[in-house]
Amino acid sequence: MRSTLLIVLAVLAAGCAAQQAPRTPERHAANIAAAESAGYKVIHYGDRVVFCPTTPPTGSHVGSMCISESEWEAQFGAPAPASPSVRVTNKPPAPGSGH
């Protein structure tokens, strides 16, 4: 009985530790920028984003498969944080602003 309780507690602790923190908008933007610079096409499906390679794997006749943003982070790691002088905005520059 006691060993069963210990096993249940260990499984619960492992499950809680495996949960990721929510993705920040800055991290999401960094994932998209990293994927695009690595040659992936970014496709939005509502609130879900997938990254699709633009070229098939070398020597393969099988089409490449798209991966989710979570799979991207698991495979390539979270992107490095942006420099403090970088400001992320979704707004295009105003006409004549010099940017």
PDB file of N, CA and C in Angstrom:
ATOM      1  N   MET A   1       0.828  -1.190   0.000  1.00  0.00           N
ATOM      2  CA  MET A   1       0.000   0.000   0.000  1.00  0.00           C
ATOM      3  C   MET A   1       0.873   1.255   0.000  1.00  0.00           C
ATOM      4  N   ARG A   2       1.891   1.237   0.826  1.00  0.00           N
ATOM      5  CA  ARG A   2       2.760   2.401   0.936  1.00  0.00           C
ATOM      6  C   ARG A   2       3.567   2.616  -0.345  1.00  0.00           C
ATOM      7  N   SER A   3       4.035   1.526  -0.949  1.00  0.00           N
ATOM      8  CA  SER A   3       4.803   1.651  -2.186  1.00  0.00           C
ATOM      9  C   SER A   3       3.918   2.154  -3.335  1.00  0.00           C
ATOM     10  N   THR A   4       2.658   1.761  -3.336  1.00  0.00           N
ATOM     11  CA  THR A   4       1.731   2.242  -4.362  1.00  0.00           C
ATOM     12  C   THR A   4       1.530   3.746  -4.235  1.00  0.00           C
ATOM     13  N   LEU A   5       1.412   4.220  -3.009  1.00  0.00           N
ATOM     14  CA  LEU A   5       1.246   5.652  -2.765  1.00  0.00           C
ATOM     15  C   LEU A   5       2.481   6.425  -3.226  1.00  0.00           C
ATOM     16  N   LEU A   6       3.659   5.882  -2.966  1.00  0.00           N
ATOM     17  CA  LEU A   6       4.892   6.535  -3.402  1.00  0.00           C
ATOM     18  C   LEU A   6       4.990   6.588  -4.928  1.00  0.00           C
ATOM     19  N   ILE A   7       4.578   5.532  -5.586  1.00  0.00           N
ATOM     20  CA  ILE A   7       4.606   5.500  -7.055  1.00  0.00           C
ATOM     21  C   ILE A   7       3.639   6.536  -7.619  1.00  0.00           C
ATOM     22  N   VAL A   8       2.446   6.626  -7.064  1.00  0.00           N
ATOM     23  CA  VAL A   8       1.453   7.598  -7.524  1.00  0.00           C
ATOM     24  C   VAL A   8       1.983   9.012  -7.328  1.00  0.00           C
ATOM     25  N   LEU A   9       2.574   9.290  -6.181  1.00  0.00           N
ATOM     26  CA  LEU A   9       3.130  10.626  -5.933  1.00  0.00           C
ATOM     27  C   LEU A   9       4.277  10.949  -6.890  1.00  0.00           C
ATOM     28  N   ALA A  10       5.111   9.965  -7.189  1.00  0.00           N
ATOM     29  CA  ALA A  10       6.218  10.185  -8.123  1.00  0.00           C
ATOM     30  C   ALA A  10       5.701  10.485  -9.526  1.00  0.00           C
ATOM     31  N   VAL A  11       4.669   9.781  -9.958  1.00  0.00           N
ATOM     32  CA  VAL A  11       4.089  10.017 -11.285  1.00  0.00           C
ATOM     33  C   VAL A  11       3.452  11.399 -11.343  1.00  0.00           C
ATOM     34  N   LEU A  12       2.740  11.798 -10.302  1.00  0.00           N
ATOM     35  CA  LEU A  12       2.136  13.125 -10.269  1.00  0.00           C
ATOM     36  C   LEU A  12       3.193  14.223 -10.285  1.00  0.00           C
ATOM     37  N   ALA A  13       4.261  14.041  -9.542  1.00  0.00           N
ATOM     38  CA  ALA A  13       5.333  15.040  -9.517  1.00  0.00           C
ATOM     39  C   ALA A  13       6.006  15.150 -10.875  1.00  0.00           C
ATOM     40  N   ALA A  14       6.215  14.029 -11.543  1.00  0.00           N
ATOM     41  CA  ALA A  14       6.838  14.052 -12.872  1.00  0.00           C
ATOM     42  C   ALA A  14       5.920  14.733 -13.884  1.00  0.00           C
ATOM     43  N   GLY A  15       4.625  14.503 -13.791  1.00  0.00           N
ATOM     44  CA  GLY A  15       3.675  15.135 -14.700  1.00  0.00           C
ATOM     45  C   GLY A  15       3.622  16.634 -14.516  1.00  0.00           C
ATOM     46  N   CYS A  16       3.678  17.092 -13.282  1.00  0.00           N
ATOM     47  CA  CYS A  16       3.666  18.529 -13.016  1.00  0.00           C
ATOM     48  C   CYS A  16       4.959  19.192 -13.490  1.00  0.00           C
ATOM     49  N   ALA A  17       6.062  18.511 -13.356  1.00  0.00           N
ATOM     50  CA  ALA A  17       7.345  19.076 -13.766  1.00  0.00           C
ATOM     51  C   ALA A  17       7.463  19.151 -15.283  1.00  0.00           C
ATOM     52  N   ALA A  18       6.743  18.308 -16.003  1.00  0.00           N
ATOM     53  CA  ALA A  18       6.850  18.265 -17.455  1.00  0.00           C
ATOM     54  C   ALA A  18       6.057  19.368 -18.148  1.00  0.00           C
ATOM     55  N   GLN A  19       5.158  20.056 -17.421  1.00  0.00           N
ATOM     56  CA  GLN A  19       4.358  21.106 -18.042  1.00  0.00           C
ATOM     57  C   GLN A  19       5.210  22.336 -18.303  1.00  0.00           C
ATOM     58  N   GLN A  20       5.046  22.923 -19.499  1.00  0.00           N
ATOM     59  CA  GLN A  20       5.819  24.087 -19.873  1.00  0.00           C
ATOM     60  C   GLN A  20       5.086  25.357 -19.463  1.00  0.00           C
ATOM     61  N   ALA A  21       5.869  26.401 -19.272  1.00  0.00           N
ATOM     62  CA  ALA A  21       5.284  27.706 -18.998  1.00  0.00           C
ATOM     63  C   ALA A  21       4.631  28.215 -20.278  1.00  0.00           C
ATOM     64  N   PRO A  22       3.627  29.061 -20.162  1.00  0.00           N
ATOM     65  CA  PRO A  22       2.995  29.595 -21.369  1.00  0.00           C
ATOM     66  C   PRO A  22       3.998  30.354 -22.233  1.00  0.00           C
ATOM     67  N   ARG A  23       3.798  30.287 -23.532  1.00  0.00           N
ATOM     68  CA  ARG A  23       4.704  30.944 -24.480  1.00  0.00           C
ATOM     69  C   ARG A  23       4.384  32.433 -24.529  1.00  0.00           C
ATOM     70  N   THR A  24       5.405  33.258 -24.353  1.00  0.00           N
ATOM     71  CA  THR A  24       5.227  34.707 -24.399  1.00  0.00           C
ATOM     72  C   THR A  24       5.169  35.166 -25.854  1.00  0.00           C
ATOM     73  N   PRO A  25       4.585  36.343 -26.120  1.00  0.00           N
ATOM     74  CA  PRO A  25       4.568  36.857 -27.497  1.00  0.00           C
ATOM     75  C   PRO A  25       5.973  37.051 -28.061  1.00  0.00           C
ATOM     76  N   GLU A  26       6.926  37.432 -27.218  1.00  0.00           N
ATOM     77  CA  GLU A  26       8.301  37.620 -27.677  1.00  0.00           C
ATOM     78  C   GLU A  26       8.910  36.292 -28.106  1.00  0.00           C
ATOM     79  N   ARG A  27       8.647  35.245 -27.330  1.00  0.00           N
ATOM     80  CA  ARG A  27       9.177  33.922 -27.659  1.00  0.00           C
ATOM     81  C   ARG A  27       8.535  33.390 -28.938  1.00  0.00           C
ATOM     82  N   HIS A  28       7.234  33.633 -29.092  1.00  0.00           N
ATOM     83  CA  HIS A  28       6.512  33.210 -30.296  1.00  0.00           C
ATOM     84  C   HIS A  28       7.104  33.909 -31.528  1.00  0.00           C
ATOM     85  N   ALA A  29       7.343  35.217 -31.420  1.00  0.00           N
ATOM     86  CA  ALA A  29       7.932  35.974 -32.532  1.00  0.00           C
ATOM     87  C   ALA A  29       9.342  35.471 -32.845  1.00  0.00           C
ATOM     88  N   ALA A  30      10.104  35.136 -31.813  1.00  0.00           N
ATOM     89  CA  ALA A  30      11.459  34.620 -32.014  1.00  0.00           C
ATOM     90  C   ALA A  30      11.421  33.250 -32.690  1.00  0.00           C
ATOM     91  N   ASN A  31      10.437  32.405 -32.333  1.00  0.00           N
ATOM     92  CA  ASN A  31      10.293  31.098 -32.989  1.00  0.00           C
ATOM     93  C   ASN A  31      10.000  31.273 -34.475  1.00  0.00           C
ATOM     94  N   ILE A  32       9.111  32.201 -34.799  1.00  0.00           N
ATOM     95  CA  ILE A  32       8.751  32.438 -36.196  1.00  0.00           C
ATOM     96  C   ILE A  32       9.961  32.960 -36.967  1.00  0.00           C
ATOM     97  N   ALA A  33      10.685  33.915 -36.383  1.00  0.00           N
ATOM     98  CA  ALA A  33      11.867  34.469 -37.061  1.00  0.00           C
ATOM     99  C   ALA A  33      12.928  33.388 -37.275  1.00  0.00           C
ATOM    100  N   ALA A  34      13.148  32.532 -36.274  1.00  0.00           N
ATOM    101  CA  ALA A  34      14.150  31.469 -36.395  1.00  0.00           C
ATOM    102  C   ALA A  34      13.737  30.453 -37.451  1.00  0.00           C
ATOM    103  N   ALA A  35      12.448  30.118 -37.501  1.00  0.00           N
ATOM    104  CA  ALA A  35      11.972  29.155 -38.494  1.00  0.00           C
ATOM    105  C   ALA A  35      12.110  29.714 -39.904  1.00  0.00           C
ATOM    106  N   GLU A  36      11.747  30.976 -40.083  1.00  0.00           N
ATOM    107  CA  GLU A  36      11.856  31.578 -41.416  1.00  0.00           C
ATOM    108  C   GLU A  36      13.310  31.672 -41.868  1.00  0.00           C
ATOM    109  N   SER A  37      14.203  32.022 -40.953  1.00  0.00           N
ATOM    110  CA  SER A  37      15.612  32.122 -41.332  1.00  0.00           C
ATOM    111  C   SER A  37      16.228  30.746 -41.596  1.00  0.00           C
ATOM    112  N   ALA A  38      15.626  29.688 -41.046  1.00  0.00           N
ATOM    113  CA  ALA A  38      16.115  28.334 -41.283  1.00  0.00           C
ATOM    114  C   ALA A  38      15.493  27.714 -42.532  1.00  0.00           C
ATOM    115  N   GLY A  39      14.656  28.482 -43.261  1.00  0.00           N
ATOM    116  CA  GLY A  39      14.081  27.980 -44.497  1.00  0.00           C
ATOM    117  C   GLY A  39      12.745  27.280 -44.334  1.00  0.00           C
ATOM    118  N   TYR A  40      12.033  27.550 -43.261  1.00  0.00           N
ATOM    119  CA  TYR A  40      10.721  26.964 -43.049  1.00  0.00           C
ATOM    120  C   TYR A  40       9.641  27.969 -43.428  1.00  0.00           C
ATOM    121  N   LYS A  41       8.528  27.466 -43.933  1.00  0.00           N
ATOM    122  CA  LYS A  41       7.377  28.309 -44.233  1.00  0.00           C
ATOM    123  C   LYS A  41       6.472  28.272 -43.001  1.00  0.00           C
ATOM    124  N   VAL A  42       6.047  29.434 -42.542  1.00  0.00           N
ATOM    125  CA  VAL A  42       5.193  29.529 -41.357  1.00  0.00           C
ATOM    126  C   VAL A  42       3.744  29.605 -41.813  1.00  0.00           C
ATOM    127  N   ILE A  43       2.923  28.681 -41.325  1.00  0.00           N
ATOM    128  CA  ILE A  43       1.514  28.621 -41.703  1.00  0.00           C
ATOM    129  C   ILE A  43       0.672  28.745 -40.438  1.00  0.00           C
ATOM    130  N   HIS A  44      -0.309  29.657 -40.487  1.00  0.00           N
ATOM    131  CA  HIS A  44      -1.203  29.894 -39.348  1.00  0.00           C
ATOM    132  C   HIS A  44      -2.539  29.206 -39.604  1.00  0.00           C
ATOM    133  N   TYR A  45      -2.976  28.402 -38.651  1.00  0.00           N
ATOM    134  CA  TYR A  45      -4.293  27.770 -38.668  1.00  0.00           C
ATOM    135  C   TYR A  45      -5.043  28.270 -37.451  1.00  0.00           C
ATOM    136  N   GLY A  46      -5.697  29.410 -37.555  1.00  0.00           N
ATOM    137  CA  GLY A  46      -6.382  29.997 -36.406  1.00  0.00           C
ATOM    138  C   GLY A  46      -5.355  30.405 -35.366  1.00  0.00           C
ATOM    139  N   ASP A  47      -5.423  29.816 -34.177  1.00  0.00           N
ATOM    140  CA  ASP A  47      -4.457  30.137 -33.121  1.00  0.00           C
ATOM    141  C   ASP A  47      -3.271  29.177 -33.114  1.00  0.00           C
ATOM    142  N   ARG A  48      -3.223  28.246 -34.064  1.00  0.00           N
ATOM    143  CA  ARG A  48      -2.144  27.255 -34.146  1.00  0.00           C
ATOM    144  C   ARG A  48      -1.184  27.631 -35.266  1.00  0.00           C
ATOM    145  N   VAL A  49       0.113  27.446 -35.029  1.00  0.00           N
ATOM    146  CA  VAL A  49       1.141  27.757 -36.019  1.00  0.00           C
ATOM    147  C   VAL A  49       1.932  26.488 -36.303  1.00  0.00           C
ATOM    148  N   VAL A  50       2.179  26.208 -37.586  1.00  0.00           N
ATOM    149  CA  VAL A  50       3.028  25.079 -37.963  1.00  0.00           C
ATOM    150  C   VAL A  50       4.144  25.585 -38.858  1.00  0.00           C
ATOM    151  N   PHE A  51       5.267  24.893 -38.800  1.00  0.00           N
ATOM    152  CA  PHE A  51       6.442  25.229 -39.599  1.00  0.00           C
ATOM    153  C   PHE A  51       6.664  24.098 -40.590  1.00  0.00           C
ATOM    154  N   CYS A  52       6.708  24.452 -41.885  1.00  0.00           N
ATOM    155  CA  CYS A  52       6.872  23.454 -42.936  1.00  0.00           C
ATOM    156  C   CYS A  52       8.177  23.710 -43.686  1.00  0.00           C
ATOM    157  N   PRO A  53       9.034  22.698 -43.830  1.00  0.00           N
ATOM    158  CA  PRO A  53      10.271  22.891 -44.590  1.00  0.00           C
ATOM    159  C   PRO A  53       9.950  23.186 -46.052  1.00  0.00           C
ATOM    160  N   THR A  54      10.733  24.049 -46.662  1.00  0.00           N
ATOM    161  CA  THR A  54      10.492  24.412 -48.062  1.00  0.00           C
ATOM    162  C   THR A  54      11.214  23.472 -49.021  1.00  0.00           C
ATOM    163  N   THR A  55      12.159  22.681 -48.525  1.00  0.00           N
ATOM    164  CA  THR A  55      12.863  21.710 -49.364  1.00  0.00           C
ATOM    165  C   THR A  55      12.764  20.327 -48.721  1.00  0.00           C
ATOM    166  N   PRO A  56      12.620  19.274 -49.542  1.00  0.00           N
ATOM    167  CA  PRO A  56      12.558  17.926 -48.965  1.00  0.00           C
ATOM    168  C   PRO A  56      13.927  17.500 -48.434  1.00  0.00           C
ATOM    169  N   PRO A  57      13.939  16.539 -47.516  1.00  0.00           N
ATOM    170  CA  PRO A  57      15.219  16.039 -47.015  1.00  0.00           C
ATOM    171  C   PRO A  57      16.061  15.473 -48.157  1.00  0.00           C
ATOM    172  N   THR A  58      17.356  15.642 -48.090  1.00  0.00           N
ATOM    173  CA  THR A  58      18.268  15.168 -49.132  1.00  0.00           C
ATOM    174  C   THR A  58      18.170  13.657 -49.281  1.00  0.00           C
ATOM    175  N   GLY A  59      18.036  13.198 -50.522  1.00  0.00           N
ATOM    176  CA  GLY A  59      17.993  11.768 -50.797  1.00  0.00           C
ATOM    177  C   GLY A  59      16.664  11.117 -50.497  1.00  0.00           C
ATOM    178  N   SER A  60      15.627  11.909 -50.254  1.00  0.00           N
ATOM    179  CA  SER A  60      14.333  11.341 -49.902  1.00  0.00           C
ATOM    180  C   SER A  60      13.309  11.644 -50.985  1.00  0.00           C
ATOM    181  N   HIS A  61      12.452  10.665 -51.249  1.00  0.00           N
ATOM    182  CA  HIS A  61      11.349  10.867 -52.181  1.00  0.00           C
ATOM    183  C   HIS A  61      10.048  11.104 -51.429  1.00  0.00           C
ATOM    184  N   VAL A  62      10.126  11.077 -50.117  1.00  0.00           N
ATOM    185  CA  VAL A  62       8.957  11.304 -49.280  1.00  0.00           C
ATOM    186  C   VAL A  62       8.881  12.793 -48.983  1.00  0.00           C
ATOM    187  N   GLY A  63       7.692  13.347 -49.085  1.00  0.00           N
ATOM    188  CA  GLY A  63       7.518  14.767 -48.796  1.00  0.00           C
ATOM    189  C   GLY A  63       7.832  15.070 -47.334  1.00  0.00           C
ATOM    190  N   SER A  64       8.270  16.273 -47.090  1.00  0.00           N
ATOM    191  CA  SER A  64       8.601  16.649 -45.723  1.00  0.00           C
ATOM    192  C   SER A  64       7.325  16.935 -44.939  1.00  0.00           C
ATOM    193  N   MET A  65       7.418  16.775 -43.631  1.00  0.00           N
ATOM    194  CA  MET A  65       6.265  16.960 -42.757  1.00  0.00           C
ATOM    195  C   MET A  65       6.405  18.252 -41.975  1.00  0.00           C
ATOM    196  N   CYS A  66       5.286  18.937 -41.789  1.00  0.00           N
ATOM    197  CA  CYS A  66       5.266  20.154 -40.989  1.00  0.00           C
ATOM    198  C   CYS A  66       5.320  19.783 -39.513  1.00  0.00           C
ATOM    199  N   ILE A  67       5.845  20.708 -38.706  1.00  0.00           N
ATOM    200  CA  ILE A  67       5.914  20.481 -37.264  1.00  0.00           C
ATOM    201  C   ILE A  67       5.258  21.654 -36.543  1.00  0.00           C
ATOM    202  N   SER A  68       4.728  21.376 -35.356  1.00  0.00           N
ATOM    203  CA  SER A  68       4.092  22.421 -34.558  1.00  0.00           C
ATOM    204  C   SER A  68       5.158  23.272 -33.869  1.00  0.00           C
ATOM    205  N   GLU A  69       4.720  24.363 -33.288  1.00  0.00           N
ATOM    206  CA  GLU A  69       5.665  25.241 -32.597  1.00  0.00           C
ATOM    207  C   GLU A  69       6.276  24.541 -31.380  1.00  0.00           C
ATOM    208  N   SER A  70       5.500  23.736 -30.681  1.00  0.00           N
ATOM    209  CA  SER A  70       6.029  22.979 -29.544  1.00  0.00           C
ATOM    210  C   SER A  70       7.064  21.963 -29.994  1.00  0.00           C
ATOM    211  N   GLU A  71       6.804  21.299 -31.123  1.00  0.00           N
ATOM    212  CA  GLU A  71       7.774  20.346 -31.660  1.00  0.00           C
ATOM    213  C   GLU A  71       9.038  21.064 -32.119  1.00  0.00           C
ATOM    214  N   TRP A  72       8.887  22.276 -32.685  1.00  0.00           N
ATOM    215  CA  TRP A  72      10.041  23.085 -33.098  1.00  0.00           C
ATOM    216  C   TRP A  72      10.931  23.353 -31.889  1.00  0.00           C
ATOM    217  N   GLU A  73      10.322  23.800 -30.787  1.00  0.00           N
ATOM    218  CA  GLU A  73      11.098  24.109 -29.582  1.00  0.00           C
ATOM    219  C   GLU A  73      11.751  22.866 -29.002  1.00  0.00           C
ATOM    220  N   ALA A  74      11.045  21.729 -29.056  1.00  0.00           N
ATOM    221  CA  ALA A  74      11.621  20.490 -28.531  1.00  0.00           C
ATOM    222  C   ALA A  74      12.791  20.029 -29.393  1.00  0.00           C
ATOM    223  N   GLN A  75      12.700  20.250 -30.702  1.00  0.00           N
ATOM    224  CA  GLN A  75      13.736  19.777 -31.611  1.00  0.00           C
ATOM    225  C   GLN A  75      14.935  20.721 -31.665  1.00  0.00           C
ATOM    226  N   PHE A  76      14.671  22.022 -31.702  1.00  0.00           N
ATOM    227  CA  PHE A  76      15.746  22.990 -31.898  1.00  0.00           C
ATOM    228  C   PHE A  76      16.028  23.841 -30.666  1.00  0.00           C
ATOM    229  N   GLY A  77      15.242  23.691 -29.639  1.00  0.00           N
ATOM    230  CA  GLY A  77      15.431  24.480 -28.424  1.00  0.00           C
ATOM    231  C   GLY A  77      14.755  25.835 -28.529  1.00  0.00           C
ATOM    232  N   ALA A  78      14.551  26.437 -27.387  1.00  0.00           N
ATOM    233  CA  ALA A  78      13.943  27.766 -27.363  1.00  0.00           C
ATOM    234  C   ALA A  78      14.940  28.764 -27.930  1.00  0.00           C
ATOM    235  N   PRO A  79      14.472  29.745 -28.683  1.00  0.00           N
ATOM    236  CA  PRO A  79      15.387  30.724 -29.265  1.00  0.00           C
ATOM    237  C   PRO A  79      16.049  31.573 -28.194  1.00  0.00           C
ATOM    238  N   ALA A  80      17.208  32.101 -28.532  1.00  0.00           N
ATOM    239  CA  ALA A  80      17.918  32.981 -27.598  1.00  0.00           C
ATOM    240  C   ALA A  80      17.099  34.248 -27.388  1.00  0.00           C
ATOM    241  N   PRO A  81      17.132  34.796 -26.181  1.00  0.00           N
ATOM    242  CA  PRO A  81      16.363  36.013 -25.937  1.00  0.00           C
ATOM    243  C   PRO A  81      16.892  37.170 -26.790  1.00  0.00           C
ATOM    244  N   ALA A  82      15.994  38.037 -27.164  1.00  0.00           N
ATOM    245  CA  ALA A  82      16.366  39.195 -27.975  1.00  0.00           C
ATOM    246  C   ALA A  82      17.145  40.195 -27.133  1.00  0.00           C
ATOM    247  N   SER A  83      17.920  40.995 -27.804  1.00  0.00           N
ATOM    248  CA  SER A  83      18.678  42.048 -27.148  1.00  0.00           C
ATOM    249  C   SER A  83      17.713  43.032 -26.501  1.00  0.00           C
ATOM    250  N   PRO A  84      18.074  43.632 -25.364  1.00  0.00           N
ATOM    251  CA  PRO A  84      17.182  44.600 -24.719  1.00  0.00           C
ATOM    252  C   PRO A  84      16.862  45.797 -25.605  1.00  0.00           C
ATOM    253  N   SER A  85      17.694  46.069 -26.597  1.00  0.00           N
ATOM    254  CA  SER A  85      17.438  47.218 -27.466  1.00  0.00           C
ATOM    255  C   SER A  85      16.448  46.893 -28.579  1.00  0.00           C
ATOM    256  N   VAL A  86      16.047  45.618 -28.709  1.00  0.00           N
ATOM    257  CA  VAL A  86      15.099  45.225 -29.746  1.00  0.00           C
ATOM    258  C   VAL A  86      13.684  45.377 -29.210  1.00  0.00           C
ATOM    259  N   ARG A  87      12.837  45.997 -30.023  1.00  0.00           N
ATOM    260  CA  ARG A  87      11.450  46.179 -29.632  1.00  0.00           C
ATOM    261  C   ARG A  87      10.580  45.454 -30.643  1.00  0.00           C
ATOM    262  N   VAL A  88       9.721  44.536 -30.172  1.00  0.00           N
ATOM    263  CA  VAL A  88       8.856  43.763 -31.048  1.00  0.00           C
ATOM    264  C   VAL A  88       7.506  44.459 -31.126  1.00  0.00           C
ATOM    265  N   THR A  89       7.038  44.682 -32.339  1.00  0.00           N
ATOM    266  CA  THR A  89       5.733  45.309 -32.539  1.00  0.00           C
ATOM    267  C   THR A  89       5.048  44.647 -33.731  1.00  0.00           C
ATOM    268  N   ASN A  90       3.737  44.616 -33.687  1.00  0.00           N
ATOM    269  CA  ASN A  90       2.973  44.061 -34.794  1.00  0.00           C
ATOM    270  C   ASN A  90       2.476  45.153 -35.730  1.00  0.00           C
ATOM    271  N   LYS A  91       2.827  46.390 -35.435  1.00  0.00           N
ATOM    272  CA  LYS A  91       2.350  47.523 -36.205  1.00  0.00           C
ATOM    273  C   LYS A  91       3.381  47.911 -37.269  1.00  0.00           C
ATOM    274  N   PRO A  92       2.965  48.045 -38.530  1.00  0.00           N
ATOM    275  CA  PRO A  92       3.921  48.473 -39.558  1.00  0.00           C
ATOM    276  C   PRO A  92       4.311  49.935 -39.334  1.00  0.00           C
ATOM    277  N   PRO A  93       5.483  50.339 -39.804  1.00  0.00           N
ATOM    278  CA  PRO A  93       5.880  51.727 -39.620  1.00  0.00           C
ATOM    279  C   PRO A  93       4.970  52.667 -40.398  1.00  0.00           C
ATOM    280  N   ALA A  94       4.788  53.856 -39.860  1.00  0.00           N
ATOM    281  CA  ALA A  94       3.962  54.857 -40.511  1.00  0.00           C
ATOM    282  C   ALA A  94       4.675  55.381 -41.763  1.00  0.00           C
ATOM    283  N   PRO A  95       3.909  55.802 -42.759  1.00  0.00           N
ATOM    284  CA  PRO A  95       4.548  56.354 -43.965  1.00  0.00           C
ATOM    285  C   PRO A  95       5.411  57.557 -43.616  1.00  0.00           C
ATOM    286  N   GLY A  96       6.601  57.594 -44.177  1.00  0.00           N
ATOM    287  CA  GLY A  96       7.487  58.717 -43.959  1.00  0.00           C
ATOM    288  C   GLY A  96       8.182  58.735 -42.611  1.00  0.00           C
ATOM    289  N   SER A  97       8.139  57.602 -41.881  1.00  0.00           N
ATOM    290  CA  SER A  97       8.784  57.576 -40.564  1.00  0.00           C
ATOM    291  C   SER A  97      10.276  57.303 -40.663  1.00  0.00           C
ATOM    292  N   GLY A  98      10.763  56.983 -41.865  1.00  0.00           N
ATOM    293  CA  GLY A  98      12.184  56.758 -42.048  1.00  0.00           C
ATOM    294  C   GLY A  98      12.643  55.341 -41.770  1.00  0.00           C
ATOM    295  N   HIS A  99      11.726  54.410 -41.550  1.00  0.00           N
ATOM    296  CA  HIS A  99      12.104  53.020 -41.275  1.00  0.00           C
ATOM    297  C   HIS A  99      11.917  52.188 -42.477  1.00  0.00           C
TER     298      HIS A  99
END
